C-alpha cells in the first residue's frame, strides 16, 4: 500500500465489519475481526485473544452502536497498518461515550485483522 487512500480503504473494510458486528450485538463476529493473539484494551482491563474480545462485547448492552471516523493511517510494514480513529459508542439508555481508538491491523493469509486495539476516552 503506497497511498493514504488505499490504507484508509483497508482500515474501513476491517472497521465496517467490526461496526456491523458491534451494532448487531454479535460478540463472536466482533472477535472474528481480530487475530488469535490480539491485544485488546477496551474501557476496562485488557485481554489477549479472541475469547477476551467476545467476552467484552457480550457484556455490552443491547442497542450499543459504534460510529467511527478515520483520522490517520500509517503503513508500518507491507502487511501491517496503523489506524487512528474517533469513535462514538452510543446507547439507548445512557450518554454516548466518545473515544479515540488506535488499532494495528495485520494481513494474514490475504485477510486483514485487528492485532492490537486500544481506546482512550476523549472529552
PDB file of N, CA and C in Angstrom:
ATOM      1  N   UNK A   1       0.848  -1.183   0.000  1.00  0.00           N
ATOM      2  CA  UNK A   1       0.000   0.000   0.000  1.00  0.00           C
ATOM      3  C   UNK A   1       0.885   1.234   0.000  1.00  0.00           C
ATOM      4  N   UNK A   2       0.724   2.041  -0.995  1.00  0.00           N
ATOM      5  CA  UNK A   2       1.604   3.186  -1.126  1.00  0.00           C
ATOM      6  C   UNK A   2       0.907   4.511  -0.895  1.00  0.00           C
ATOM      7  N   UNK A   3      -0.399   4.528  -0.805  1.00  0.00           N
ATOM      8  CA  UNK A   3      -1.050   5.823  -0.610  1.00  0.00           C
ATOM      9  C   UNK A   3      -2.098   5.765   0.479  1.00  0.00           C
ATOM     10  N   UNK A   4      -2.382   6.906   1.010  1.00  0.00           N
ATOM     11  CA  UNK A   4      -3.313   7.016   2.128  1.00  0.00           C
ATOM     12  C   UNK A   4      -4.695   6.503   1.767  1.00  0.00           C
ATOM     13  N   UNK A   5      -5.145   6.714   0.539  1.00  0.00           N
ATOM     14  CA  UNK A   5      -6.472   6.248   0.143  1.00  0.00           C
ATOM     15  C   UNK A   5      -6.568   4.725   0.238  1.00  0.00           C
ATOM     16  N   UNK A   6      -5.537   4.023  -0.203  1.00  0.00           N
ATOM     17  CA  UNK A   6      -5.526   2.563  -0.103  1.00  0.00           C
ATOM     18  C   UNK A   6      -5.507   2.122   1.358  1.00  0.00           C
ATOM     19  N   UNK A   7      -4.724   2.808   2.181  1.00  0.00           N
ATOM     20  CA  UNK A   7      -4.670   2.485   3.604  1.00  0.00           C
ATOM     21  C   UNK A   7      -6.032   2.690   4.253  1.00  0.00           C
ATOM     22  N   UNK A   8      -6.672   3.806   3.951  1.00  0.00           N
ATOM     23  CA  UNK A   8      -7.991   4.095   4.516  1.00  0.00           C
ATOM     24  C   UNK A   8      -9.022   3.071   4.064  1.00  0.00           C
ATOM     25  N   UNK A   9      -8.913   2.630   2.836  1.00  0.00           N
ATOM     26  CA  UNK A   9      -9.838   1.623   2.321  1.00  0.00           C
ATOM     27  C   UNK A   9      -9.703   0.305   3.080  1.00  0.00           C
ATOM     28  N   UNK A  10      -8.477  -0.119   3.318  1.00  0.00           N
ATOM     29  CA  UNK A  10      -8.238  -1.337   4.104  1.00  0.00           C
ATOM     30  C   UNK A  10      -8.799  -1.165   5.517  1.00  0.00           C
ATOM     31  N   UNK A  11      -8.467  -0.041   6.142  1.00  0.00           N
ATOM     32  CA  UNK A  11      -8.929   0.208   7.508  1.00  0.00           C
ATOM     33  C   UNK A  11     -10.459   0.224   7.576  1.00  0.00           C
ATOM     34  N   UNK A  12     -11.090   0.915   6.638  1.00  0.00           N
ATOM     35  CA  UNK A  12     -12.553   0.967   6.631  1.00  0.00           C
ATOM     36  C   UNK A  12     -13.167  -0.420   6.428  1.00  0.00           C
ATOM     37  N   UNK A  13     -12.549  -1.228   5.587  1.00  0.00           N
ATOM     38  CA  UNK A  13     -13.064  -2.582   5.375  1.00  0.00           C
ATOM     39  C   UNK A  13     -13.127  -3.377   6.670  1.00  0.00           C
ATOM     40  N   UNK A  14     -12.048  -3.335   7.440  1.00  0.00           N
ATOM     41  CA  UNK A  14     -11.997  -4.048   8.716  1.00  0.00           C
ATOM     42  C   UNK A  14     -12.954  -3.410   9.727  1.00  0.00           C
ATOM     43  N   UNK A  15     -12.923  -2.096   9.814  1.00  0.00           N
ATOM     44  CA  UNK A  15     -13.746  -1.418  10.818  1.00  0.00           C
ATOM     45  C   UNK A  15     -15.235  -1.479  10.479  1.00  0.00           C
ATOM     46  N   UNK A  16     -15.594  -1.555   9.213  1.00  0.00           N
ATOM     47  CA  UNK A  16     -17.005  -1.750   8.854  1.00  0.00           C
ATOM     48  C   UNK A  16     -17.503  -3.120   9.302  1.00  0.00           C
ATOM     49  N   UNK A  17     -16.651  -4.152   9.156  1.00  0.00           N
ATOM     50  CA  UNK A  17     -17.027  -5.494   9.661  1.00  0.00           C
ATOM     51  C   UNK A  17     -17.185  -5.454  11.175  1.00  0.00           C
ATOM     52  N   UNK A  18     -16.233  -4.816  11.856  1.00  0.00           N
ATOM     53  CA  UNK A  18     -16.280  -4.673  13.315  1.00  0.00           C
ATOM     54  C   UNK A  18     -17.545  -3.937  13.731  1.00  0.00           C
ATOM     55  N   UNK A  19     -17.823  -2.794  13.111  1.00  0.00           N
ATOM     56  CA  UNK A  19     -19.006  -1.989  13.437  1.00  0.00           C
ATOM     57  C   UNK A  19     -20.293  -2.779  13.218  1.00  0.00           C
ATOM     58  N   UNK A  20     -20.382  -3.468  12.103  1.00  0.00           N
ATOM     59  CA  UNK A  20     -21.592  -4.256  11.825  1.00  0.00           C
ATOM     60  C   UNK A  20     -21.856  -5.293  12.900  1.00  0.00           C
ATOM     61  N   UNK A  21     -20.797  -5.954  13.354  1.00  0.00           N
ATOM     62  CA  UNK A  21     -20.948  -6.972  14.398  1.00  0.00           C
ATOM     63  C   UNK A  21     -21.251  -6.333  15.752  1.00  0.00           C
ATOM     64  N   UNK A  22     -20.611  -5.190  16.057  1.00  0.00           N
ATOM     65  CA  UNK A  22     -20.894  -4.480  17.313  1.00  0.00           C
ATOM     66  C   UNK A  22     -22.350  -4.032  17.328  1.00  0.00           C
ATOM     67  N   UNK A  23     -22.787  -3.373  16.258  1.00  0.00           N
ATOM     68  CA  UNK A  23     -24.157  -2.843  16.185  1.00  0.00           C
ATOM     69  C   UNK A  23     -25.210  -3.947  16.269  1.00  0.00           C
ATOM     70  N   UNK A  24     -24.888  -5.138  15.741  1.00  0.00           N
ATOM     71  CA  UNK A  24     -25.828  -6.266  15.754  1.00  0.00           C
ATOM     72  C   UNK A  24     -25.734  -7.087  17.038  1.00  0.00           C
ATOM     73  N   UNK A  25     -24.836  -6.696  17.948  1.00  0.00           N
ATOM     74  CA  UNK A  25     -24.591  -7.406  19.208  1.00  0.00           C
ATOM     75  C   UNK A  25     -24.270  -8.884  18.931  1.00  0.00           C
ATOM     76  N   UNK A  26     -23.232  -9.075  18.111  1.00  0.00           N
ATOM     77  CA  UNK A  26     -22.752 -10.418  17.770  1.00  0.00           C
ATOM     78  C   UNK A  26     -21.291 -10.533  18.202  1.00  0.00           C
ATOM     79  N   UNK A  27     -21.075 -10.825  19.490  1.00  0.00           N
ATOM     80  CA  UNK A  27     -19.712 -10.825  20.046  1.00  0.00           C
ATOM     81  C   UNK A  27     -18.728 -11.759  19.330  1.00  0.00           C
ATOM     82  N   UNK A  28     -19.186 -12.918  18.885  1.00  0.00           N
ATOM     83  CA  UNK A  28     -18.280 -13.844  18.206  1.00  0.00           C
ATOM     84  C   UNK A  28     -17.852 -13.290  16.855  1.00  0.00           C
ATOM     85  N   UNK A  29     -18.748 -12.568  16.175  1.00  0.00           N
ATOM     86  CA  UNK A  29     -18.400 -11.942  14.904  1.00  0.00           C
ATOM     87  C   UNK A  29     -17.434 -10.768  15.128  1.00  0.00           C
ATOM     88  N   UNK A  30     -17.629 -10.044  16.228  1.00  0.00           N
ATOM     89  CA  UNK A  30     -16.672  -8.980  16.560  1.00  0.00           C
ATOM     90  C   UNK A  30     -15.295  -9.618  16.751  1.00  0.00           C
ATOM     91  N   UNK A  31     -15.238 -10.676  17.540  1.00  0.00           N
ATOM     92  CA  UNK A  31     -13.970 -11.347  17.830  1.00  0.00           C
ATOM     93  C   UNK A  31     -13.307 -11.878  16.563  1.00  0.00           C
ATOM     94  N   UNK A  32     -14.084 -12.279  15.579  1.00  0.00           N
ATOM     95  CA  UNK A  32     -13.533 -12.803  14.331  1.00  0.00           C
ATOM     96  C   UNK A  32     -12.806 -11.727  13.524  1.00  0.00           C
ATOM     97  N   UNK A  33     -12.991 -10.462  13.870  1.00  0.00           N
ATOM     98  CA  UNK A  33     -12.271  -9.361  13.217  1.00  0.00           C
ATOM     99  C   UNK A  33     -10.846  -9.238  13.754  1.00  0.00           C
ATOM    100  N   UNK A  34     -10.521  -9.963  14.792  1.00  0.00           N
ATOM    101  CA  UNK A  34      -9.243  -9.857  15.490  1.00  0.00           C
ATOM    102  C   UNK A  34      -8.365 -11.067  15.216  1.00  0.00           C
ATOM    103  N   UNK A  35      -7.051 -10.894  15.366  1.00  0.00           N
ATOM    104  CA  UNK A  35      -6.131 -12.024  15.280  1.00  0.00           C
ATOM    105  C   UNK A  35      -6.326 -12.911  16.509  1.00  0.00           C
ATOM    106  N   UNK A  36      -5.841 -14.134  16.404  1.00  0.00           N
ATOM    107  CA  UNK A  36      -5.951 -15.082  17.521  1.00  0.00           C
ATOM    108  C   UNK A  36      -5.226 -14.574  18.765  1.00  0.00           C
ATOM    109  N   UNK A  37      -4.166 -13.782  18.570  1.00  0.00           N
ATOM    110  CA  UNK A  37      -3.357 -13.305  19.698  1.00  0.00           C
ATOM    111  C   UNK A  37      -3.493 -11.801  19.928  1.00  0.00           C
ATOM    112  N   UNK A  38      -4.605 -11.229  19.495  1.00  0.00           N
ATOM    113  CA  UNK A  38      -4.797  -9.775  19.584  1.00  0.00           C
ATOM    114  C   UNK A  38      -4.733  -9.283  21.026  1.00  0.00           C
ATOM    115  N   UNK A  39      -4.098  -8.128  21.192  1.00  0.00           N
ATOM    116  CA  UNK A  39      -4.135  -7.419  22.471  1.00  0.00           C
ATOM    117  C   UNK A  39      -5.308  -6.453  22.385  1.00  0.00           C
ATOM    118  N   UNK A  40      -6.237  -6.569  23.327  1.00  0.00           N
ATOM    119  CA  UNK A  40      -7.467  -5.791  23.296  1.00  0.00           C
ATOM    120  C   UNK A  40      -7.592  -4.974  24.575  1.00  0.00           C
ATOM    121  N   UNK A  41      -7.695  -3.652  24.427  1.00  0.00           N
ATOM    122  CA  UNK A  41      -7.891  -2.763  25.570  1.00  0.00           C
ATOM    123  C   UNK A  41      -9.112  -1.916  25.301  1.00  0.00           C
ATOM    124  N   UNK A  42     -10.232  -2.330  25.900  1.00  0.00           N
ATOM    125  CA  UNK A  42     -11.440  -1.515  25.861  1.00  0.00           C
ATOM    126  C   UNK A  42     -11.372  -0.530  27.021  1.00  0.00           C
ATOM    127  N   UNK A  43     -12.516  -0.280  27.658  1.00  0.00           N
ATOM    128  CA  UNK A  43     -12.549   0.667  28.781  1.00  0.00           C
ATOM    129  C   UNK A  43     -12.351  -0.010  30.133  1.00  0.00           C
ATOM    130  N   UNK A  44     -11.967  -1.264  30.122  1.00  0.00           N
ATOM    131  CA  UNK A  44     -11.616  -1.944  31.371  1.00  0.00           C
ATOM    132  C   UNK A  44     -10.431  -2.862  31.084  1.00  0.00           C
ATOM    133  N   UNK A  45      -9.945  -3.594  32.048  1.00  0.00           N
ATOM    134  CA  UNK A  45      -8.675  -4.320  31.874  1.00  0.00           C
ATOM    135  C   UNK A  45      -8.567  -5.068  30.544  1.00  0.00           C
ATOM    136  N   UNK A  46      -7.340  -5.115  30.064  1.00  0.00           N
ATOM    137  CA  UNK A  46      -7.075  -5.686  28.749  1.00  0.00           C
ATOM    138  C   UNK A  46      -7.194  -7.203  28.747  1.00  0.00           C
ATOM    139  N   UNK A  47      -7.285  -7.750  27.532  1.00  0.00           N
ATOM    140  CA  UNK A  47      -7.264  -9.193  27.349  1.00  0.00           C
ATOM    141  C   UNK A  47      -6.411  -9.507  26.129  1.00  0.00           C
ATOM    142  N   UNK A  48      -6.078 -10.767  25.982  1.00  0.00           N
ATOM    143  CA  UNK A  48      -5.325 -11.231  24.829  1.00  0.00           C
ATOM    144  C   UNK A  48      -6.104 -12.363  24.184  1.00  0.00           C
ATOM    145  N   UNK A  49      -6.363 -12.233  22.893  1.00  0.00           N
ATOM    146  CA  UNK A  49      -7.049 -13.282  22.147  1.00  0.00           C
ATOM    147  C   UNK A  49      -8.518 -12.994  21.907  1.00  0.00           C
ATOM    148  N   UNK A  50      -9.076 -13.762  20.988  1.00  0.00           N
ATOM    149  CA  UNK A  50     -10.467 -13.567  20.576  1.00  0.00           C
ATOM    150  C   UNK A  50     -11.480 -13.820  21.682  1.00  0.00           C
ATOM    151  N   UNK A  51     -11.194 -14.760  22.576  1.00  0.00           N
ATOM    152  CA  UNK A  51     -12.149 -15.061  23.648  1.00  0.00           C
ATOM    153  C   UNK A  51     -12.392 -13.828  24.516  1.00  0.00           C
ATOM    154  N   UNK A  52     -11.345 -13.086  24.833  1.00  0.00           N
ATOM    155  CA  UNK A  52     -11.493 -11.882  25.643  1.00  0.00           C
ATOM    156  C   UNK A  52     -12.288 -10.806  24.925  1.00  0.00           C
ATOM    157  N   UNK A  53     -12.080 -10.675  23.611  1.00  0.00           N
ATOM    158  CA  UNK A  53     -12.847  -9.703  22.815  1.00  0.00           C
ATOM    159  C   UNK A  53     -14.324 -10.079  22.835  1.00  0.00           C
ATOM    160  N   UNK A  54     -14.623 -11.359  22.594  1.00  0.00           N
ATOM    161  CA  UNK A  54     -16.020 -11.819  22.591  1.00  0.00           C
ATOM    162  C   UNK A  54     -16.663 -11.596  23.949  1.00  0.00           C
ATOM    163  N   UNK A  55     -15.943 -11.889  25.012  1.00  0.00           N
ATOM    164  CA  UNK A  55     -16.481 -11.693  26.357  1.00  0.00           C
ATOM    165  C   UNK A  55     -16.777 -10.220  26.624  1.00  0.00           C
ATOM    166  N   UNK A  56     -15.881  -9.351  26.218  1.00  0.00           N
ATOM    167  CA  UNK A  56     -16.069  -7.913  26.404  1.00  0.00           C
ATOM    168  C   UNK A  56     -17.333  -7.443  25.697  1.00  0.00           C
ATOM    169  N   UNK A  57     -17.488  -7.798  24.435  1.00  0.00           N
ATOM    170  CA  UNK A  57     -18.651  -7.319  23.689  1.00  0.00           C
ATOM    171  C   UNK A  57     -19.938  -8.037  24.082  1.00  0.00           C
ATOM    172  N   UNK A  58     -19.852  -9.251  24.582  1.00  0.00           N
ATOM    173  CA  UNK A  58     -21.049  -9.935  25.096  1.00  0.00           C
ATOM    174  C   UNK A  58     -21.592  -9.207  26.317  1.00  0.00           C
ATOM    175  N   UNK A  59     -20.711  -8.545  27.064  1.00  0.00           N
ATOM    176  CA  UNK A  59     -21.134  -7.841  28.283  1.00  0.00           C
ATOM    177  C   UNK A  59     -21.728  -6.463  27.976  1.00  0.00           C
ATOM    178  N   UNK A  60     -21.636  -6.021  26.730  1.00  0.00           N
ATOM    179  CA  UNK A  60     -22.172  -4.712  26.368  1.00  0.00           C
ATOM    180  C   UNK A  60     -23.695  -4.791  26.210  1.00  0.00           C
ATOM    181  N   UNK A  61     -24.397  -3.717  26.517  1.00  0.00           N
ATOM    182  CA  UNK A  61     -25.861  -3.755  26.450  1.00  0.00           C
ATOM    183  C   UNK A  61     -26.367  -3.797  25.004  1.00  0.00           C
ATOM    184  N   UNK A  62     -27.525  -4.412  24.847  1.00  0.00           N
ATOM    185  CA  UNK A  62     -28.199  -4.382  23.549  1.00  0.00           C
ATOM    186  C   UNK A  62     -28.451  -2.929  23.176  1.00  0.00           C
ATOM    187  N   UNK A  63     -28.351  -2.632  21.913  1.00  0.00           N
ATOM    188  CA  UNK A  63     -28.570  -1.262  21.465  1.00  0.00           C
ATOM    189  C   UNK A  63     -27.304  -0.442  21.348  1.00  0.00           C
ATOM    190  N   UNK A  64     -26.160  -0.990  21.773  1.00  0.00           N
ATOM    191  CA  UNK A  64     -24.890  -0.291  21.606  1.00  0.00           C
ATOM    192  C   UNK A  64     -24.614  -0.134  20.115  1.00  0.00           C
ATOM    193  N   UNK A  65     -24.246   1.073  19.706  1.00  0.00           N
ATOM    194  CA  UNK A  65     -23.925   1.369  18.312  1.00  0.00           C
ATOM    195  C   UNK A  65     -22.614   2.145  18.277  1.00  0.00           C
ATOM    196  N   UNK A  66     -21.761   1.799  17.322  1.00  0.00           N
ATOM    197  CA  UNK A  66     -20.471   2.475  17.161  1.00  0.00           C
ATOM    198  C   UNK A  66     -20.480   3.272  15.862  1.00  0.00           C
ATOM    199  N   UNK A  67     -20.125   4.535  15.965  1.00  0.00           N
ATOM    200  CA  UNK A  67     -19.932   5.388  14.788  1.00  0.00           C
ATOM    201  C   UNK A  67     -18.483   5.838  14.796  1.00  0.00           C
ATOM    202  N   UNK A  68     -17.798   5.639  13.679  1.00  0.00           N
ATOM    203  CA  UNK A  68     -16.374   5.972  13.661  1.00  0.00           C
ATOM    204  C   UNK A  68     -16.016   6.889  12.501  1.00  0.00           C
ATOM    205  N   UNK A  69     -14.887   7.561  12.695  1.00  0.00           N
ATOM    206  CA  UNK A  69     -14.281   8.388  11.654  1.00  0.00           C
ATOM    207  C   UNK A  69     -12.788   8.090  11.640  1.00  0.00           C
ATOM    208  N   UNK A  70     -12.256   7.809  10.485  1.00  0.00           N
ATOM    209  CA  UNK A  70     -10.817   7.573  10.350  1.00  0.00           C
ATOM    210  C   UNK A  70     -10.102   8.918  10.431  1.00  0.00           C
ATOM    211  N   UNK A  71      -9.142   9.015  11.345  1.00  0.00           N
ATOM    212  CA  UNK A  71      -8.361  10.241  11.497  1.00  0.00           C
ATOM    213  C   UNK A  71      -7.009  10.146  10.802  1.00  0.00           C
ATOM    214  N   UNK A  72      -6.315   9.017  10.987  1.00  0.00           N
ATOM    215  CA  UNK A  72      -4.972   8.849  10.428  1.00  0.00           C
ATOM    216  C   UNK A  72      -4.718   7.383  10.110  1.00  0.00           C
ATOM    217  N   UNK A  73      -3.852   7.154   9.141  1.00  0.00           N
ATOM    218  CA  UNK A  73      -3.353   5.811   8.847  1.00  0.00           C
ATOM    219  C   UNK A  73      -1.859   5.910   8.588  1.00  0.00           C
ATOM    220  N   UNK A  74      -1.164   4.830   8.875  1.00  0.00           N
ATOM    221  CA  UNK A  74       0.265   4.735   8.573  1.00  0.00           C
ATOM    222  C   UNK A  74       0.565   3.280   8.238  1.00  0.00           C
ATOM    223  N   UNK A  75       1.252   3.050   7.135  1.00  0.00           N
ATOM    224  CA  UNK A  75       1.742   1.710   6.813  1.00  0.00           C
ATOM    225  C   UNK A  75       3.017   1.488   7.623  1.00  0.00           C
ATOM    226  N   UNK A  76       3.007   0.494   8.485  1.00  0.00           N
ATOM    227  CA  UNK A  76       4.178   0.203   9.313  1.00  0.00           C
ATOM    228  C   UNK A  76       5.086  -0.822   8.649  1.00  0.00           C
ATOM    229  N   UNK A  77       4.509  -1.644   7.799  1.00  0.00           N
ATOM    230  CA  UNK A  77       5.235  -2.647   7.012  1.00  0.00           C
ATOM    231  C   UNK A  77       4.272  -3.096   5.916  1.00  0.00           C
ATOM    232  N   UNK A  78       4.718  -3.967   5.056  1.00  0.00           N
ATOM    233  CA  UNK A  78       3.872  -4.391   3.940  1.00  0.00           C
ATOM    234  C   UNK A  78       2.544  -4.981   4.417  1.00  0.00           C
ATOM    235  N   UNK A  79       2.562  -5.734   5.487  1.00  0.00           N
ATOM    236  CA  UNK A  79       1.363  -6.401   5.986  1.00  0.00           C
ATOM    237  C   UNK A  79       0.906  -5.894   7.344  1.00  0.00           C
ATOM    238  N   UNK A  80       1.283  -4.649   7.686  1.00  0.00           N
ATOM    239  CA  UNK A  80       0.931  -4.063   8.976  1.00  0.00           C
ATOM    240  C   UNK A  80       0.504  -2.613   8.754  1.00  0.00           C
ATOM    241  N   UNK A  81      -0.647  -2.264   9.305  1.00  0.00           N
ATOM    242  CA  UNK A  81      -1.202  -0.926   9.121  1.00  0.00           C
ATOM    243  C   UNK A  81      -1.683  -0.382  10.461  1.00  0.00           C
ATOM    244  N   UNK A  82      -1.306   0.855  10.747  1.00  0.00           N
ATOM    245  CA  UNK A  82      -1.764   1.552  11.945  1.00  0.00           C
ATOM    246  C   UNK A  82      -2.958   2.420  11.577  1.00  0.00           C
ATOM    247  N   UNK A  83      -3.990   2.383  12.393  1.00  0.00           N
ATOM    248  CA  UNK A  83      -5.141   3.258  12.209  1.00  0.00           C
ATOM    249  C   UNK A  83      -5.448   4.000  13.489  1.00  0.00           C
ATOM    250  N   UNK A  84      -5.825   5.249  13.348  1.00  0.00           N
ATOM    251  CA  UNK A  84      -6.215   6.080  14.479  1.00  0.00           C
ATOM    252  C   UNK A  84      -7.582   6.647  14.141  1.00  0.00           C
ATOM    253  N   UNK A  85      -8.558   6.415  15.037  1.00  0.00           N
ATOM    254  CA  UNK A  85      -9.944   6.751  14.745  1.00  0.00           C
ATOM    255  C   UNK A  85     -10.601   7.487  15.893  1.00  0.00           C
ATOM    256  N   UNK A  86     -11.654   8.190  15.576  1.00  0.00           N
ATOM    257  CA  UNK A  86     -12.559   8.769  16.557  1.00  0.00           C
ATOM    258  C   UNK A  86     -13.807   7.885  16.531  1.00  0.00           C
ATOM    259  N   UNK A  87     -14.233   7.422  17.707  1.00  0.00           N
ATOM    260  CA  UNK A  87     -15.401   6.538  17.777  1.00  0.00           C
ATOM    261  C   UNK A  87     -16.349   7.059  18.847  1.00  0.00           C
ATOM    262  N   UNK A  88     -17.631   7.077  18.516  1.00  0.00           N
ATOM    263  CA  UNK A  88     -18.687   7.379  19.485  1.00  0.00           C
ATOM    264  C   UNK A  88     -19.495   6.114  19.701  1.00  0.00           C
ATOM    265  N   UNK A  89     -19.491   5.626  20.947  1.00  0.00           N
ATOM    266  CA  UNK A  89     -20.315   4.485  21.320  1.00  0.00           C
ATOM    267  C   UNK A  89     -21.595   5.036  21.938  1.00  0.00           C
ATOM    268  N   UNK A  90     -22.726   4.804  21.279  1.00  0.00           N
ATOM    269  CA  UNK A  90     -23.990   5.316  21.808  1.00  0.00           C
ATOM    270  C   UNK A  90     -24.848   4.162  22.311  1.00  0.00           C
ATOM    271  N   UNK A  91     -25.700   4.497  23.265  1.00  0.00           N
ATOM    272  CA  UNK A  91     -26.542   3.532  23.960  1.00  0.00           C
ATOM    273  C   UNK A  91     -27.987   4.007  23.917  1.00  0.00           C
ATOM    274  N   UNK A  92     -28.899   3.124  24.237  1.00  0.00           N
ATOM    275  CA  UNK A  92     -30.310   3.508  24.272  1.00  0.00           C
ATOM    276  C   UNK A  92     -30.689   4.174  25.581  1.00  0.00           C
ATOM    277  N   UNK A  93     -29.889   3.966  26.626  1.00  0.00           N
ATOM    278  CA  UNK A  93     -30.298   4.396  27.962  1.00  0.00           C
ATOM    279  C   UNK A  93     -29.249   5.192  28.739  1.00  0.00           C
ATOM    280  N   UNK A  94     -28.197   5.654  28.065  1.00  0.00           N
ATOM    281  CA  UNK A  94     -27.155   6.413  28.756  1.00  0.00           C
ATOM    282  C   UNK A  94     -26.419   7.295  27.748  1.00  0.00           C
ATOM    283  N   UNK A  95     -25.627   8.228  28.260  1.00  0.00           N
ATOM    284  CA  UNK A  95     -24.917   9.134  27.343  1.00  0.00           C
ATOM    285  C   UNK A  95     -23.908   8.403  26.451  1.00  0.00           C
ATOM    286  N   UNK A  96     -23.672   8.986  25.313  1.00  0.00           N
ATOM    287  CA  UNK A  96     -22.667   8.479  24.372  1.00  0.00           C
ATOM    288  C   UNK A  96     -21.282   8.572  25.008  1.00  0.00           C
ATOM    289  N   UNK A  97     -20.441   7.582  24.709  1.00  0.00           N
ATOM    290  CA  UNK A  97     -19.057   7.590  25.174  1.00  0.00           C
ATOM    291  C   UNK A  97     -18.160   7.878  23.975  1.00  0.00           C
ATOM    292  N   UNK A  98     -17.538   9.060  23.953  1.00  0.00           N
ATOM    293  CA  UNK A  98     -16.611   9.380  22.861  1.00  0.00           C
ATOM    294  C   UNK A  98     -15.205   8.888  23.211  1.00  0.00           C
ATOM    295  N   UNK A  99     -14.572   8.206  22.260  1.00  0.00           N
ATOM    296  CA  UNK A  99     -13.226   7.688  22.491  1.00  0.00           C
ATOM    297  C   UNK A  99     -12.366   7.924  21.257  1.00  0.00           C
ATOM    298  N   UNK A 100     -11.062   7.838  21.450  1.00  0.00           N
ATOM    299  CA  UNK A 100     -10.147   7.676  20.335  1.00  0.00           C
ATOM    300  C   UNK A 100      -9.714   6.219  20.357  1.00  0.00           C
ATOM    301  N   UNK A 101      -9.488   5.684  19.203  1.00  0.00           N
ATOM    302  CA  UNK A 101      -9.160   4.270  19.068  1.00  0.00           C
ATOM    303  C   UNK A 101      -7.932   4.127  18.194  1.00  0.00           C
ATOM    304  N   UNK A 102      -6.946   3.435  18.715  1.00  0.00           N
ATOM    305  CA  UNK A 102      -5.773   3.076  17.936  1.00  0.00           C
ATOM    306  C   UNK A 102      -5.820   1.590  17.644  1.00  0.00           C
ATOM    307  N   UNK A 103      -5.639   1.221  16.387  1.00  0.00           N
ATOM    308  CA  UNK A 103      -5.621  -0.191  16.009  1.00  0.00           C
ATOM    309  C   UNK A 103      -4.380  -0.460  15.159  1.00  0.00           C
ATOM    310  N   UNK A 104      -3.879  -1.661  15.284  1.00  0.00           N
ATOM    311  CA  UNK A 104      -2.839  -2.147  14.391  1.00  0.00           C
ATOM    312  C   UNK A 104      -3.435  -3.335  13.659  1.00  0.00           C
ATOM    313  N   UNK A 105      -3.504  -3.229  12.336  1.00  0.00           N
ATOM    314  CA  UNK A 105      -4.039  -4.309  11.514  1.00  0.00           C
ATOM    315  C   UNK A 105      -2.896  -5.139  10.968  1.00  0.00           C
ATOM    316  N   UNK A 106      -3.153  -6.447  10.872  1.00  0.00           N
ATOM    317  CA  UNK A 106      -2.172  -7.364  10.280  1.00  0.00           C
ATOM    318  C   UNK A 106      -2.850  -8.147   9.169  1.00  0.00           C
ATOM    319  N   UNK A 107      -2.142  -8.312   8.062  1.00  0.00           N
ATOM    320  CA  UNK A 107      -2.667  -9.140   6.978  1.00  0.00           C
ATOM    321  C   UNK A 107      -2.123 -10.550   7.158  1.00  0.00           C
ATOM    322  N   UNK A 108      -3.039 -11.490   7.305  1.00  0.00           N
ATOM    323  CA  UNK A 108      -2.689 -12.897   7.491  1.00  0.00           C
ATOM    324  C   UNK A 108      -3.433 -13.709   6.433  1.00  0.00           C
ATOM    325  N   UNK A 109      -2.708 -14.466   5.649  1.00  0.00           N
ATOM    326  CA  UNK A 109      -3.301 -15.292   4.584  1.00  0.00           C
ATOM    327  C   UNK A 109      -4.222 -14.466   3.693  1.00  0.00           C
ATOM    328  N   UNK A 110      -3.805 -13.234   3.397  1.00  0.00           N
ATOM    329  CA  UNK A 110      -4.552 -12.386   2.485  1.00  0.00           C
ATOM    330  C   UNK A 110      -5.704 -11.614   3.090  1.00  0.00           C
ATOM    331  N   UNK A 111      -5.998 -11.811   4.367  1.00  0.00           N
ATOM    332  CA  UNK A 111      -7.091 -11.114   5.046  1.00  0.00           C
ATOM    333  C   UNK A 111      -6.526 -10.201   6.121  1.00  0.00           C
ATOM    334  N   UNK A 112      -7.205  -9.077   6.352  1.00  0.00           N
ATOM    335  CA  UNK A 112      -6.781  -8.114   7.368  1.00  0.00           C
ATOM    336  C   UNK A 112      -7.556  -8.329   8.657  1.00  0.00           C
ATOM    337  N   UNK A 113      -6.825  -8.291   9.787  1.00  0.00           N
ATOM    338  CA  UNK A 113      -7.393  -8.475  11.121  1.00  0.00           C
ATOM    339  C   UNK A 113      -6.818  -7.430  12.069  1.00  0.00           C
ATOM    340  N   UNK A 114      -7.516  -7.192  13.152  1.00  0.00           N
ATOM    341  CA  UNK A 114      -7.034  -6.295  14.196  1.00  0.00           C
ATOM    342  C   UNK A 114      -6.115  -7.094  15.124  1.00  0.00           C
ATOM    343  N   UNK A 115      -4.870  -6.672  15.229  1.00  0.00           N
ATOM    344  CA  UNK A 115      -3.917  -7.332  16.110  1.00  0.00           C
ATOM    345  C   UNK A 115      -3.702  -6.610  17.421  1.00  0.00           C
ATOM    346  N   UNK A 116      -4.059  -5.328  17.433  1.00  0.00           N
ATOM    347  CA  UNK A 116      -3.967  -4.515  18.642  1.00  0.00           C
ATOM    348  C   UNK A 116      -5.069  -3.482  18.587  1.00  0.00           C
ATOM    349  N   UNK A 117      -5.742  -3.269  19.736  1.00  0.00           N
ATOM    350  CA  UNK A 117      -6.905  -2.360  19.833  1.00  0.00           C
ATOM    351  C   UNK A 117      -6.824  -1.667  21.172  1.00  0.00           C
ATOM    352  N   UNK A 118      -6.792  -0.350  21.157  1.00  0.00           N
ATOM    353  CA  UNK A 118      -6.723   0.381  22.426  1.00  0.00           C
ATOM    354  C   UNK A 118      -7.529   1.675  22.334  1.00  0.00           C
ATOM    355  N   UNK A 119      -8.450   1.837  23.280  1.00  0.00           N
ATOM    356  CA  UNK A 119      -9.275   3.050  23.311  1.00  0.00           C
ATOM    357  C   UNK A 119      -8.869   3.925  24.478  1.00  0.00           C
ATOM    358  N   UNK A 120      -9.150   5.220  24.330  1.00  0.00           N
ATOM    359  CA  UNK A 120      -9.000   6.200  25.396  1.00  0.00           C
ATOM    360  C   UNK A 120     -10.174   7.144  25.301  1.00  0.00           C
ATOM    361  N   UNK A 121     -10.775   7.432  26.433  1.00  0.00           N
ATOM    362  CA  UNK A 121     -11.881   8.387  26.446  1.00  0.00           C
ATOM    363  C   UNK A 121     -11.390   9.755  25.970  1.00  0.00           C
ATOM    364  N   UNK A 122     -12.254  10.435  25.260  1.00  0.00           N
ATOM    365  CA  UNK A 122     -11.940  11.815  24.892  1.00  0.00           C
ATOM    366  C   UNK A 122     -13.045  12.704  25.461  1.00  0.00           C
ATOM    367  N   UNK A 123     -12.690  13.913  25.758  1.00  0.00           N
ATOM    368  CA  UNK A 123     -13.656  14.835  26.350  1.00  0.00           C
ATOM    369  C   UNK A 123     -14.123  15.855  25.346  1.00  0.00           C
TER     370      UNK A 123
END
